[in-house]
Structures are given as C-alpha cells and as structure tokens.
Protein backbone atom coordinates (compact mmCIF):
# COMPACT_ATOMS: atom_id res chain seq x y z
CA MET A 1 85.21 83.98 99.78
CA GLU A 2 84.43 80.29 100.03
CA THR A 3 84.38 79.92 96.39
CA LEU A 4 87.38 81.52 96.13
CA LYS A 5 89.10 79.79 98.87
CA ARG A 6 87.68 76.09 97.08
CA PHE A 7 89.63 77.76 93.27
CA VAL A 8 92.60 78.27 95.38
CA SER A 9 92.91 74.48 96.24
CA GLN A 10 91.36 73.13 93.54
CA HIS A 11 93.24 75.13 90.88
CA PRO A 12 97.46 75.21 92.71
CA GLN A 13 99.31 76.11 89.21
CA TRP A 14 95.82 78.34 88.16
CA THR A 15 96.50 80.52 90.44
CA SER A 16 100.07 80.63 91.14
CA TRP A 17 100.15 81.91 87.65
CA ILE A 18 97.12 84.68 88.19
CA VAL A 19 99.41 85.89 91.20
CA LEU A 20 103.12 85.99 89.61
CA SER A 21 101.63 87.42 86.72
CA ILE A 22 100.21 90.81 88.81
CA GLY A 23 103.92 91.43 90.21
CA MET A 24 105.56 90.73 87.61
CA VAL A 25 103.45 93.06 85.61
CA ALA A 26 103.43 95.39 88.04
CA ILE A 27 107.15 95.58 88.28
CA LEU A 28 107.29 95.86 84.94
CA VAL A 29 105.16 98.64 84.22
CA TYR A 30 106.98 100.23 87.40
CA SER A 31 110.06 99.36 85.99
CA ALA A 32 109.41 100.57 82.39
CA ARG A 33 106.94 103.97 83.21
CA ASP A 34 109.26 106.67 81.65
CA VAL A 35 110.37 104.80 78.58
CA GLY A 36 108.28 106.38 76.76
CA LEU A 37 106.15 102.79 74.76
CA ALA A 38 103.71 103.06 72.87
CA VAL A 39 100.25 100.85 73.51
CA GLY A 40 101.13 98.39 71.44
CA GLN A 41 104.47 98.05 72.90
CA TRP A 42 102.83 97.84 75.90
CA ILE A 43 100.12 95.34 75.14
CA ALA A 44 102.98 93.01 74.08
CA LEU A 45 105.19 93.28 76.98
CA ILE A 46 102.69 92.65 79.20
CA VAL A 47 101.43 90.06 77.19
CA ALA A 48 104.90 88.58 77.12
CA THR A 49 105.12 88.70 80.43
CA ILE A 50 102.14 86.72 81.41
CA ALA A 51 103.47 83.81 79.54
CA VAL A 52 106.43 84.06 80.88
CA ALA A 53 104.37 83.74 84.06
CA GLY A 54 102.78 80.82 82.36
CA LEU A 55 105.67 78.70 81.55
CA ALA A 56 107.89 79.68 84.99
CA VAL A 57 104.80 77.96 86.92
CA TRP A 58 104.56 75.00 84.13
CA ILE A 59 108.75 74.06 84.30
CA ILE A 60 108.44 74.15 88.98
CA GLY A 61 105.54 72.15 88.72
CA TRP A 62 107.62 69.58 86.60
CA GLU A 63 108.81 68.55 90.28
CA ASP A 64 105.70 68.10 91.35
CA GLU A 65 104.88 66.11 89.46
CA GLU A 66 108.22 63.69 89.32
CA ASP A 67 107.09 63.52 93.22
CA GLU A 68 103.53 62.18 92.24
CA SER A 69 104.66 60.03 89.97
CA GLN A 70 107.53 58.44 92.64
CA GLU A 71 105.32 56.23 95.42
CA PRO A 72 106.98 55.75 98.28
CA SER A 73 108.50 52.49 98.28
CA SER A 74 106.75 49.64 101.41
CA GLY A 75 108.12 46.69 102.42
CA SER A 76 112.04 46.45 102.35
CA GLN A 77 114.52 49.16 103.45
CA THR A 78 118.45 48.30 103.06
CA ALA A 79 120.13 49.89 105.57
C-alpha cells in the first residue's frame, strides 16, 4: 500500500492517466457492448481511448506547468 501511495504522490500525471483511461474504457465497453464489433475494432477503440485520456491529462497538465513557472513576485505590490 505504501508503494502505491508513493507512486501516486511521485507521479500524479501517470496516475491521472491510468484512472481516466480505466473510466473511459469502462464507459466505452458499456456503451458499445451491443454494437457487434470485431476483436480488432475493440482493440483499436480501446487503444484510441487510452491515447485520448493521455492527451487530456497532458493538456490539463499544461496549466500546472504554467503555474510552476510563474513565481510569486515578492517585494513591492501596487495597489
């Protein structure tokens, strides 16, 4: 359990990607269960869904990177 906690705290974007991927794949499988897709189509959809989840986490992470690069200005404040 400690290993999992350490991984989550050290790699928040990887964790977000994994959790989001699991959720999105679950929704995909539930939504398309009666469509009659072939195995190759299922694999392609699942891989594409995982890639989209990764892109979403990466794009959301841009805001975090911008916040880290902007350091609060100390010293004079204008009112």
